[in-house]
Amino acid sequence: MADGRLSRRPGLRRAREVAFALCTLWLVIQNCVLLAFVPWTRLPEATRMASIVLKTAVLVLGPLWILGSAAILGWAFMTWLARDARGVSAETEWEMDHGRAR
C-alpha cells in the first residue's frame, strides 16, 4: 500500500476492509431485490404499498432530526468550551517547543 500510515495500523486496515465488504454486500442485496421486482406483474400495487410505508416512516421519524442536530450542536459546544478552558497559549507554546518540556 502506498500510504505507510495505514499499513502500520492493521486494525484500521481491517475495519476499512470490513466496511467495504459490508457496502458491497448491501449493494448486491439491493440490486437483487430490485431485479426481482422488475418481472413482477403486480408492480403498481407494490409501489403503492411502498409509497404508503415510506410516507408513514417519514411521518413517524421526521421529528427525530432534532435529536441528532441537538447532539451535534452539544458536542460542538462542549469541544469549544474545553478548548477555551485549556487556553490557546498553551497549545502554541507546545508547538513552538516541539513537544519538549522546559
N, C-alpha and C. Protein backbone atom coordinates (compact mmCIF):
# COMPACT_ATOMS: atom_id res chain seq x y z
N MET A 1 0.85 -1.18 0.00
CA MET A 1 0.00 0.00 0.00
C MET A 1 0.89 1.23 0.00
N ALA A 2 0.50 2.24 -0.73
CA ALA A 2 1.31 3.44 -0.88
C ALA A 2 1.36 4.26 0.41
N ASP A 3 0.29 4.25 1.17
CA ASP A 3 0.24 5.06 2.39
C ASP A 3 0.84 4.25 3.53
N GLY A 4 1.98 4.70 4.06
CA GLY A 4 2.65 3.98 5.12
C GLY A 4 1.92 4.01 6.44
N ARG A 5 1.13 5.06 6.67
CA ARG A 5 0.42 5.17 7.95
C ARG A 5 -0.61 4.06 8.09
N LEU A 6 -1.32 3.74 7.02
CA LEU A 6 -2.35 2.71 7.11
C LEU A 6 -1.76 1.32 7.20
N SER A 7 -0.60 1.09 6.60
CA SER A 7 -0.01 -0.24 6.65
C SER A 7 0.54 -0.56 8.04
N ARG A 8 0.85 0.44 8.84
CA ARG A 8 1.33 0.19 10.19
C ARG A 8 0.20 -0.01 11.18
N ARG A 9 -1.04 0.24 10.77
CA ARG A 9 -2.18 0.11 11.67
C ARG A 9 -3.11 -0.97 11.12
N PRO A 10 -2.84 -2.24 11.47
CA PRO A 10 -3.64 -3.33 10.89
C PRO A 10 -5.11 -3.28 11.35
N GLY A 11 -5.40 -2.74 12.51
CA GLY A 11 -6.79 -2.66 12.97
C GLY A 11 -7.61 -1.73 12.10
N LEU A 12 -7.02 -0.61 11.72
CA LEU A 12 -7.71 0.34 10.86
C LEU A 12 -7.89 -0.23 9.46
N ARG A 13 -6.89 -0.92 8.98
CA ARG A 13 -6.99 -1.53 7.66
C ARG A 13 -8.07 -2.60 7.65
N ARG A 14 -8.12 -3.41 8.68
CA ARG A 14 -9.13 -4.46 8.76
C ARG A 14 -10.53 -3.86 8.84
N ALA A 15 -10.70 -2.79 9.62
CA ALA A 15 -12.00 -2.14 9.73
C ALA A 15 -12.43 -1.57 8.38
N ARG A 16 -11.48 -1.01 7.65
CA ARG A 16 -11.80 -0.46 6.33
C ARG A 16 -12.22 -1.56 5.36
N GLU A 17 -11.53 -2.70 5.40
CA GLU A 17 -11.89 -3.81 4.53
C GLU A 17 -13.26 -4.37 4.87
N VAL A 18 -13.57 -4.44 6.16
CA VAL A 18 -14.89 -4.92 6.58
C VAL A 18 -15.97 -3.95 6.12
N ALA A 19 -15.71 -2.65 6.23
CA ALA A 19 -16.69 -1.66 5.78
C ALA A 19 -16.92 -1.76 4.28
N PHE A 20 -15.86 -1.94 3.51
CA PHE A 20 -16.01 -2.11 2.06
C PHE A 20 -16.80 -3.37 1.74
N ALA A 21 -16.52 -4.45 2.47
CA ALA A 21 -17.23 -5.71 2.22
C ALA A 21 -18.71 -5.57 2.55
N LEU A 22 -19.03 -4.88 3.65
CA LEU A 22 -20.43 -4.69 4.01
C LEU A 22 -21.15 -3.81 3.00
N CYS A 23 -20.50 -2.77 2.51
CA CYS A 23 -21.12 -1.92 1.50
C CYS A 23 -21.35 -2.70 0.21
N THR A 24 -20.39 -3.52 -0.18
CA THR A 24 -20.55 -4.33 -1.38
C THR A 24 -21.69 -5.32 -1.22
N LEU A 25 -21.76 -5.96 -0.06
CA LEU A 25 -22.85 -6.90 0.20
C LEU A 25 -24.20 -6.20 0.16
N TRP A 26 -24.28 -5.02 0.73
CA TRP A 26 -25.53 -4.26 0.71
C TRP A 26 -25.94 -3.93 -0.72
N LEU A 27 -25.00 -3.52 -1.55
CA LEU A 27 -25.32 -3.19 -2.94
C LEU A 27 -25.77 -4.42 -3.72
N VAL A 28 -25.16 -5.55 -3.47
CA VAL A 28 -25.57 -6.78 -4.15
C VAL A 28 -26.99 -7.17 -3.75
N ILE A 29 -27.28 -7.12 -2.45
CA ILE A 29 -28.63 -7.46 -1.98
C ILE A 29 -29.65 -6.48 -2.55
N GLN A 30 -29.34 -5.21 -2.53
CA GLN A 30 -30.25 -4.19 -3.03
C GLN A 30 -30.53 -4.40 -4.52
N ASN A 31 -29.51 -4.68 -5.30
CA ASN A 31 -29.72 -4.90 -6.72
C ASN A 31 -30.50 -6.18 -6.99
N CYS A 32 -30.29 -7.22 -6.19
CA CYS A 32 -31.07 -8.45 -6.36
C CYS A 32 -32.55 -8.20 -6.08
N VAL A 33 -32.84 -7.43 -5.06
CA VAL A 33 -34.24 -7.12 -4.75
C VAL A 33 -34.86 -6.29 -5.87
N LEU A 34 -34.13 -5.32 -6.38
CA LEU A 34 -34.65 -4.51 -7.48
C LEU A 34 -34.89 -5.34 -8.73
N LEU A 35 -33.98 -6.26 -9.03
CA LEU A 35 -34.16 -7.12 -10.20
C LEU A 35 -35.31 -8.11 -10.00
N ALA A 36 -35.59 -8.46 -8.76
CA ALA A 36 -36.71 -9.35 -8.50
C ALA A 36 -38.04 -8.63 -8.72
N PHE A 37 -38.07 -7.33 -8.54
CA PHE A 37 -39.31 -6.58 -8.75
C PHE A 37 -39.61 -6.30 -10.22
N VAL A 38 -38.62 -6.35 -11.08
CA VAL A 38 -38.82 -5.99 -12.49
C VAL A 38 -39.85 -6.90 -13.17
N PRO A 39 -39.74 -8.22 -13.08
CA PRO A 39 -40.71 -9.05 -13.80
C PRO A 39 -42.03 -9.25 -13.05
N TRP A 40 -42.16 -8.63 -11.91
CA TRP A 40 -43.35 -8.86 -11.10
C TRP A 40 -44.56 -8.22 -11.77
N THR A 41 -45.66 -8.96 -11.84
CA THR A 41 -46.84 -8.46 -12.56
C THR A 41 -47.61 -7.43 -11.75
N ARG A 42 -47.52 -7.49 -10.44
CA ARG A 42 -48.26 -6.54 -9.60
C ARG A 42 -47.36 -5.40 -9.13
N LEU A 43 -46.58 -4.88 -10.01
CA LEU A 43 -45.64 -3.81 -9.65
C LEU A 43 -46.34 -2.53 -9.21
N PRO A 44 -47.44 -2.07 -9.86
CA PRO A 44 -48.10 -0.85 -9.37
C PRO A 44 -48.63 -0.98 -7.95
N GLU A 45 -49.13 -2.16 -7.60
CA GLU A 45 -49.61 -2.37 -6.24
C GLU A 45 -48.45 -2.33 -5.24
N ALA A 46 -47.32 -2.92 -5.62
CA ALA A 46 -46.15 -2.91 -4.73
C ALA A 46 -45.61 -1.50 -4.54
N THR A 47 -45.57 -0.72 -5.60
CA THR A 47 -45.07 0.65 -5.45
C THR A 47 -46.02 1.51 -4.62
N ARG A 48 -47.33 1.23 -4.74
CA ARG A 48 -48.29 1.97 -3.92
C ARG A 48 -48.10 1.62 -2.45
N MET A 49 -47.89 0.34 -2.15
CA MET A 49 -47.65 -0.07 -0.76
C MET A 49 -46.33 0.49 -0.23
N ALA A 50 -45.30 0.49 -1.07
CA ALA A 50 -44.01 1.05 -0.65
C ALA A 50 -44.15 2.55 -0.39
N SER A 51 -44.95 3.21 -1.20
CA SER A 51 -45.19 4.65 -1.00
C SER A 51 -45.87 4.90 0.33
N ILE A 52 -46.84 4.07 0.67
CA ILE A 52 -47.54 4.23 1.95
C ILE A 52 -46.58 4.01 3.12
N VAL A 53 -45.74 2.98 3.01
CA VAL A 53 -44.78 2.68 4.08
C VAL A 53 -43.78 3.83 4.23
N LEU A 54 -43.28 4.36 3.11
CA LEU A 54 -42.32 5.46 3.19
C LEU A 54 -42.94 6.73 3.77
N LYS A 55 -44.17 7.02 3.39
CA LYS A 55 -44.83 8.20 3.95
C LYS A 55 -45.02 8.06 5.45
N THR A 56 -45.38 6.85 5.89
CA THR A 56 -45.54 6.60 7.33
C THR A 56 -44.20 6.75 8.05
N ALA A 57 -43.15 6.22 7.46
CA ALA A 57 -41.82 6.32 8.09
C ALA A 57 -41.38 7.78 8.21
N VAL A 58 -41.63 8.57 7.17
CA VAL A 58 -41.27 9.99 7.23
C VAL A 58 -42.09 10.71 8.29
N LEU A 59 -43.35 10.36 8.39
CA LEU A 59 -44.22 10.99 9.38
C LEU A 59 -43.78 10.65 10.80
N VAL A 60 -43.40 9.41 11.03
CA VAL A 60 -43.02 8.98 12.38
C VAL A 60 -41.61 9.43 12.73
N LEU A 61 -40.66 9.28 11.79
CA LEU A 61 -39.26 9.56 12.09
C LEU A 61 -38.85 11.00 11.79
N GLY A 62 -39.71 11.76 11.14
CA GLY A 62 -39.38 13.13 10.79
C GLY A 62 -39.00 14.01 11.96
N PRO A 63 -39.76 14.00 13.04
CA PRO A 63 -39.40 14.87 14.17
C PRO A 63 -38.11 14.48 14.89
N LEU A 64 -37.54 13.31 14.59
CA LEU A 64 -36.34 12.87 15.30
C LEU A 64 -35.07 13.56 14.81
N TRP A 65 -35.14 14.33 13.73
CA TRP A 65 -33.94 15.01 13.25
C TRP A 65 -33.43 16.00 14.29
N ILE A 66 -34.33 16.49 15.12
CA ILE A 66 -33.93 17.47 16.13
C ILE A 66 -32.99 16.84 17.17
N LEU A 67 -33.16 15.54 17.45
CA LEU A 67 -32.27 14.88 18.40
C LEU A 67 -30.85 14.80 17.86
N GLY A 68 -30.71 14.45 16.60
CA GLY A 68 -29.37 14.38 16.00
C GLY A 68 -28.70 15.73 15.94
N SER A 69 -29.46 16.75 15.54
CA SER A 69 -28.86 18.07 15.46
C SER A 69 -28.52 18.61 16.85
N ALA A 70 -29.34 18.30 17.86
CA ALA A 70 -29.03 18.74 19.22
C ALA A 70 -27.77 18.05 19.74
N ALA A 71 -27.60 16.79 19.41
CA ALA A 71 -26.40 16.07 19.83
C ALA A 71 -25.15 16.65 19.18
N ILE A 72 -25.22 16.96 17.89
CA ILE A 72 -24.07 17.52 17.19
C ILE A 72 -23.74 18.92 17.72
N LEU A 73 -24.76 19.73 17.94
CA LEU A 73 -24.52 21.08 18.48
C LEU A 73 -23.98 21.01 19.91
N GLY A 74 -24.48 20.08 20.70
CA GLY A 74 -23.97 19.91 22.06
C GLY A 74 -22.51 19.48 22.07
N TRP A 75 -22.17 18.56 21.18
CA TRP A 75 -20.77 18.13 21.08
C TRP A 75 -19.88 19.28 20.64
N ALA A 76 -20.32 20.07 19.67
CA ALA A 76 -19.53 21.19 19.21
C ALA A 76 -19.34 22.23 20.31
N PHE A 77 -20.40 22.50 21.07
CA PHE A 77 -20.31 23.46 22.16
C PHE A 77 -19.37 22.95 23.25
N MET A 78 -19.44 21.65 23.55
CA MET A 78 -18.57 21.06 24.57
C MET A 78 -17.11 21.17 24.16
N THR A 79 -16.78 20.86 22.90
CA THR A 79 -15.39 20.96 22.46
C THR A 79 -14.92 22.41 22.43
N TRP A 80 -15.82 23.32 22.10
CA TRP A 80 -15.46 24.74 22.12
C TRP A 80 -15.13 25.19 23.53
N LEU A 81 -15.95 24.77 24.52
CA LEU A 81 -15.69 25.13 25.91
C LEU A 81 -14.41 24.48 26.42
N ALA A 82 -14.15 23.23 26.05
CA ALA A 82 -12.94 22.55 26.50
C ALA A 82 -11.70 23.21 25.91
N ARG A 83 -11.77 23.66 24.69
CA ARG A 83 -10.63 24.32 24.06
C ARG A 83 -10.38 25.67 24.73
N ASP A 84 -11.43 26.38 25.07
CA ASP A 84 -11.27 27.66 25.75
C ASP A 84 -10.68 27.48 27.14
N ALA A 85 -11.09 26.44 27.85
CA ALA A 85 -10.60 26.22 29.21
C ALA A 85 -9.12 25.86 29.21
N ARG A 86 -8.67 25.16 28.20
CA ARG A 86 -7.28 24.75 28.14
C ARG A 86 -6.36 25.92 27.81
N GLY A 87 -6.87 26.83 27.05
CA GLY A 87 -6.08 28.01 26.69
C GLY A 87 -5.34 27.82 25.38
N VAL A 88 -5.42 28.80 24.54
CA VAL A 88 -4.78 28.72 23.24
C VAL A 88 -3.28 28.92 23.37
N SER A 89 -2.85 29.68 24.37
CA SER A 89 -1.42 29.95 24.51
C SER A 89 -0.66 28.68 24.85
N ALA A 90 -1.24 27.80 25.65
CA ALA A 90 -0.57 26.54 25.99
C ALA A 90 -0.37 25.71 24.72
N GLU A 91 -1.32 25.77 23.83
CA GLU A 91 -1.22 25.00 22.60
C GLU A 91 -0.11 25.53 21.70
N THR A 92 0.02 26.85 21.60
CA THR A 92 1.06 27.42 20.74
C THR A 92 2.44 27.21 21.34
N GLU A 93 2.58 27.27 22.67
CA GLU A 93 3.87 27.02 23.30
C GLU A 93 4.31 25.58 23.06
N TRP A 94 3.38 24.66 23.12
CA TRP A 94 3.70 23.26 22.90
C TRP A 94 4.22 23.07 21.47
N GLU A 95 3.62 23.76 20.53
CA GLU A 95 4.06 23.64 19.15
C GLU A 95 5.42 24.30 18.95
N MET A 96 5.69 25.41 19.64
CA MET A 96 6.96 26.10 19.47
C MET A 96 8.10 25.28 20.07
N ASP A 97 7.86 24.55 21.15
CA ASP A 97 8.89 23.75 21.78
C ASP A 97 8.98 22.36 21.19
N HIS A 98 8.18 22.06 20.21
CA HIS A 98 8.18 20.76 19.56
C HIS A 98 7.95 19.62 20.54
N GLY A 99 7.13 19.88 21.54
CA GLY A 99 6.74 18.83 22.47
C GLY A 99 7.72 18.60 23.61
N ARG A 100 8.76 19.37 23.69
CA ARG A 100 9.73 19.18 24.77
C ARG A 100 9.31 19.98 26.00
N ALA A 101 9.43 19.37 27.15
CA ALA A 101 9.13 20.09 28.39
C ALA A 101 10.31 20.99 28.74
N ARG A 102 10.00 22.09 29.41
CA ARG A 102 11.07 23.02 29.78
C ARG A 102 11.73 22.63 31.06
